[in-house]
């Protein structure tokens, strides 16, 4: 799954994933962005992504189903959600 970080937004803003699935975040802006999965910092804990770079994370197999907030700590209005299914 691919998420583009562009115009200070996550595209798409809402992701539906399964445990074990990989997500790649591409920074297509000309500024630094960060990634934080609020409440699940052990999965994504404030990873900084330079312009033109990418970061890939795999959702753990044992991650509880639910909706989690994705945030850029550099740009407080840049938010998204990751919905983890129960398989």
N, C-alpha and C. Protein backbone atom coordinates (compact mmCIF):
# COMPACT_ATOMS: atom_id res chain seq x y z
N UNK A 1 0.84 -1.17 0.00
CA UNK A 1 0.00 0.00 0.00
C UNK A 1 0.89 1.24 0.00
N UNK A 2 0.48 2.25 -0.74
CA UNK A 2 1.27 3.47 -0.87
C UNK A 2 0.48 4.67 -0.35
N UNK A 3 1.15 5.49 0.44
CA UNK A 3 0.60 6.76 0.92
C UNK A 3 1.55 7.86 0.46
N UNK A 4 0.99 8.85 -0.20
CA UNK A 4 1.78 10.00 -0.67
C UNK A 4 1.60 11.14 0.33
N UNK A 5 2.70 11.72 0.75
CA UNK A 5 2.68 12.89 1.62
C UNK A 5 2.91 14.09 0.71
N UNK A 6 1.84 14.84 0.44
CA UNK A 6 1.91 15.94 -0.52
C UNK A 6 0.95 17.04 -0.12
N UNK A 7 1.37 18.29 -0.33
CA UNK A 7 0.55 19.44 0.04
C UNK A 7 0.15 19.40 1.51
N UNK A 8 1.06 18.89 2.34
CA UNK A 8 0.86 18.78 3.78
C UNK A 8 -0.36 17.92 4.12
N UNK A 9 -0.56 16.86 3.34
CA UNK A 9 -1.64 15.91 3.58
C UNK A 9 -1.15 14.49 3.31
N UNK A 10 -1.85 13.55 3.94
CA UNK A 10 -1.66 12.14 3.61
C UNK A 10 -2.68 11.80 2.53
N UNK A 11 -2.23 11.17 1.44
CA UNK A 11 -3.15 10.76 0.38
C UNK A 11 -2.97 9.27 0.13
N UNK A 12 -3.92 8.41 0.48
CA UNK A 12 -5.22 8.74 1.05
C UNK A 12 -5.12 9.05 2.55
N UNK A 13 -6.11 9.71 3.06
CA UNK A 13 -6.14 10.04 4.50
C UNK A 13 -6.65 8.88 5.35
N UNK A 14 -7.41 7.99 4.74
CA UNK A 14 -7.96 6.84 5.45
C UNK A 14 -7.45 5.57 4.79
N UNK A 15 -6.75 4.74 5.58
CA UNK A 15 -6.19 3.49 5.08
C UNK A 15 -6.85 2.31 5.76
N UNK A 16 -7.20 1.31 5.00
CA UNK A 16 -7.72 0.06 5.55
C UNK A 16 -6.65 -1.00 5.31
N UNK A 17 -6.12 -1.57 6.40
CA UNK A 17 -5.02 -2.53 6.29
C UNK A 17 -5.32 -3.78 7.11
N UNK A 18 -4.55 -4.82 6.81
CA UNK A 18 -4.62 -6.06 7.57
C UNK A 18 -3.32 -6.23 8.35
N UNK A 19 -3.35 -6.96 9.44
CA UNK A 19 -2.09 -7.26 10.13
C UNK A 19 -1.12 -7.93 9.16
N UNK A 20 0.14 -7.53 9.23
CA UNK A 20 1.16 -8.07 8.36
C UNK A 20 1.35 -7.29 7.07
N UNK A 21 0.44 -6.38 6.76
CA UNK A 21 0.53 -5.62 5.52
C UNK A 21 1.56 -4.50 5.65
N UNK A 22 2.27 -4.22 4.56
CA UNK A 22 3.26 -3.15 4.52
C UNK A 22 2.63 -1.88 3.95
N UNK A 23 3.07 -0.75 4.48
CA UNK A 23 2.64 0.57 3.99
C UNK A 23 3.90 1.37 3.70
N UNK A 24 3.98 1.93 2.50
CA UNK A 24 5.10 2.80 2.15
C UNK A 24 4.60 4.24 2.10
N UNK A 25 5.32 5.12 2.79
CA UNK A 25 5.01 6.53 2.83
C UNK A 25 6.06 7.27 1.99
N UNK A 26 5.61 7.96 0.95
CA UNK A 26 6.51 8.74 0.08
C UNK A 26 6.30 10.22 0.35
N UNK A 27 7.38 10.92 0.68
CA UNK A 27 7.30 12.36 0.89
C UNK A 27 7.51 13.06 -0.46
N UNK A 28 6.41 13.54 -1.05
CA UNK A 28 6.45 14.22 -2.33
C UNK A 28 6.45 15.74 -2.18
N UNK A 29 6.50 16.23 -0.95
CA UNK A 29 6.60 17.67 -0.69
C UNK A 29 8.06 18.09 -0.71
N UNK A 30 8.28 19.39 -0.64
CA UNK A 30 9.66 19.91 -0.59
C UNK A 30 10.07 20.27 0.83
N UNK A 31 9.36 19.71 1.82
CA UNK A 31 9.67 19.95 3.23
C UNK A 31 9.71 18.63 3.99
N UNK A 32 10.35 18.63 5.13
CA UNK A 32 10.43 17.47 6.01
C UNK A 32 9.05 17.15 6.60
N UNK A 33 8.71 15.87 6.65
CA UNK A 33 7.51 15.40 7.35
C UNK A 33 7.92 14.34 8.36
N UNK A 34 7.03 14.09 9.32
CA UNK A 34 7.27 12.99 10.25
C UNK A 34 6.03 12.11 10.27
N UNK A 35 6.20 10.91 10.81
CA UNK A 35 5.11 9.96 10.98
C UNK A 35 5.05 9.54 12.43
N UNK A 36 3.84 9.51 12.97
CA UNK A 36 3.62 9.02 14.32
C UNK A 36 2.27 8.34 14.34
N UNK A 37 2.21 7.10 14.83
CA UNK A 37 0.95 6.41 15.00
C UNK A 37 0.56 6.58 16.47
N UNK A 38 -0.37 7.49 16.71
CA UNK A 38 -0.73 7.90 18.06
C UNK A 38 -1.24 6.70 18.86
N UNK A 39 -0.63 6.48 20.01
CA UNK A 39 -1.01 5.37 20.88
C UNK A 39 -0.34 4.05 20.52
N UNK A 40 0.31 4.00 19.37
CA UNK A 40 1.03 2.80 18.93
C UNK A 40 2.42 3.19 18.45
N UNK A 41 3.11 3.97 19.28
CA UNK A 41 4.42 4.48 18.92
C UNK A 41 5.45 3.38 18.68
N UNK A 42 5.19 2.18 19.20
CA UNK A 42 6.11 1.07 18.95
C UNK A 42 6.03 0.61 17.49
N UNK A 43 4.94 0.95 16.80
CA UNK A 43 4.78 0.60 15.39
C UNK A 43 5.37 1.70 14.51
N UNK A 44 4.93 2.94 14.74
CA UNK A 44 5.49 4.11 14.04
C UNK A 44 5.70 5.19 15.09
N UNK A 45 6.95 5.43 15.45
CA UNK A 45 7.26 6.38 16.51
C UNK A 45 8.09 7.55 16.05
N UNK A 46 7.45 8.55 15.50
CA UNK A 46 8.08 9.78 15.04
C UNK A 46 9.28 9.51 14.14
N UNK A 47 8.98 8.96 12.98
CA UNK A 47 9.96 8.74 11.93
C UNK A 47 9.99 9.97 11.04
N UNK A 48 11.17 10.54 10.80
CA UNK A 48 11.29 11.73 9.96
C UNK A 48 11.63 11.32 8.53
N UNK A 49 10.94 11.93 7.57
CA UNK A 49 11.11 11.59 6.17
C UNK A 49 11.46 12.87 5.40
N UNK A 50 12.65 12.89 4.84
CA UNK A 50 13.11 14.04 4.07
C UNK A 50 12.37 14.12 2.74
N UNK A 51 12.34 15.31 2.13
CA UNK A 51 11.72 15.45 0.81
C UNK A 51 12.31 14.45 -0.18
N UNK A 52 11.43 13.81 -0.95
CA UNK A 52 11.88 12.85 -1.95
C UNK A 52 12.22 11.47 -1.41
N UNK A 53 12.11 11.28 -0.10
CA UNK A 53 12.45 9.99 0.52
C UNK A 53 11.17 9.22 0.87
N UNK A 54 11.35 7.97 1.25
CA UNK A 54 10.20 7.15 1.65
C UNK A 54 10.54 6.36 2.91
N UNK A 55 9.49 5.85 3.54
CA UNK A 55 9.62 5.04 4.75
C UNK A 55 8.57 3.94 4.65
N UNK A 56 8.98 2.71 4.91
CA UNK A 56 8.05 1.58 4.86
C UNK A 56 7.91 0.96 6.24
N UNK A 57 6.67 0.68 6.61
CA UNK A 57 6.38 0.04 7.89
C UNK A 57 5.47 -1.16 7.62
N UNK A 58 5.65 -2.22 8.40
CA UNK A 58 4.76 -3.38 8.31
C UNK A 58 3.90 -3.41 9.58
N UNK A 59 2.60 -3.50 9.38
CA UNK A 59 1.68 -3.58 10.52
C UNK A 59 1.91 -4.93 11.20
N UNK A 60 2.16 -4.92 12.51
CA UNK A 60 2.44 -6.19 13.21
C UNK A 60 1.28 -7.18 13.11
N UNK A 61 1.61 -8.46 13.06
CA UNK A 61 0.59 -9.51 13.01
C UNK A 61 -0.32 -9.48 14.23
N UNK A 62 0.22 -9.04 15.37
CA UNK A 62 -0.57 -9.07 16.61
C UNK A 62 -1.21 -7.71 16.95
N UNK A 63 -1.25 -6.79 15.98
CA UNK A 63 -1.83 -5.47 16.24
C UNK A 63 -3.35 -5.62 16.38
N UNK A 64 -3.91 -5.11 17.49
CA UNK A 64 -5.36 -5.23 17.69
C UNK A 64 -6.15 -4.47 16.62
N UNK A 65 -7.28 -5.04 16.18
CA UNK A 65 -8.14 -4.32 15.24
C UNK A 65 -8.57 -2.98 15.85
N UNK A 66 -8.75 -2.00 14.99
CA UNK A 66 -9.21 -0.70 15.46
C UNK A 66 -8.77 0.41 14.53
N UNK A 67 -9.13 1.62 14.91
CA UNK A 67 -8.79 2.82 14.14
C UNK A 67 -7.72 3.59 14.91
N UNK A 68 -6.64 3.92 14.23
CA UNK A 68 -5.50 4.59 14.84
C UNK A 68 -5.21 5.89 14.10
N UNK A 69 -4.84 6.93 14.85
CA UNK A 69 -4.55 8.22 14.25
C UNK A 69 -3.10 8.28 13.78
N UNK A 70 -2.93 8.74 12.55
CA UNK A 70 -1.63 8.96 11.95
C UNK A 70 -1.39 10.47 11.97
N UNK A 71 -0.22 10.89 12.43
CA UNK A 71 0.06 12.32 12.56
C UNK A 71 1.45 12.66 12.06
N UNK A 72 1.57 13.89 11.56
CA UNK A 72 2.87 14.49 11.27
C UNK A 72 3.12 15.48 12.40
N UNK A 73 4.15 15.25 13.19
CA UNK A 73 4.40 16.13 14.33
C UNK A 73 5.02 17.46 13.91
N UNK A 74 5.48 17.54 12.67
CA UNK A 74 6.04 18.79 12.14
C UNK A 74 4.91 19.73 11.72
N UNK A 75 3.83 19.17 11.18
CA UNK A 75 2.69 19.95 10.69
C UNK A 75 1.44 19.45 11.41
N UNK A 76 0.99 20.19 12.42
CA UNK A 76 -0.05 19.71 13.33
C UNK A 76 -1.39 19.45 12.67
N UNK A 77 -1.65 20.06 11.51
CA UNK A 77 -2.92 19.82 10.82
C UNK A 77 -2.87 18.63 9.86
N UNK A 78 -1.71 18.00 9.75
CA UNK A 78 -1.54 16.86 8.83
C UNK A 78 -1.89 15.59 9.60
N UNK A 79 -3.08 15.06 9.30
CA UNK A 79 -3.60 13.90 10.03
C UNK A 79 -4.19 12.88 9.07
N UNK A 80 -4.21 11.64 9.50
CA UNK A 80 -4.84 10.57 8.77
C UNK A 80 -5.27 9.50 9.73
N UNK A 81 -5.86 8.43 9.21
CA UNK A 81 -6.27 7.31 10.04
C UNK A 81 -5.90 6.00 9.37
N UNK A 82 -5.50 5.06 10.20
CA UNK A 82 -5.25 3.69 9.75
C UNK A 82 -6.25 2.79 10.46
N UNK A 83 -7.05 2.07 9.67
CA UNK A 83 -8.02 1.12 10.22
C UNK A 83 -7.44 -0.27 10.02
N UNK A 84 -7.19 -0.97 11.13
CA UNK A 84 -6.65 -2.32 11.08
C UNK A 84 -7.81 -3.30 11.23
N UNK A 85 -7.96 -4.19 10.26
CA UNK A 85 -9.05 -5.17 10.29
C UNK A 85 -8.66 -6.35 11.17
N UNK A 86 -9.62 -7.13 11.52
CA UNK A 86 -9.38 -8.31 12.36
C UNK A 86 -9.08 -9.54 11.56
N UNK A 87 -8.80 -9.41 10.29
CA UNK A 87 -8.53 -10.49 9.32
C UNK A 87 -9.75 -11.29 9.16
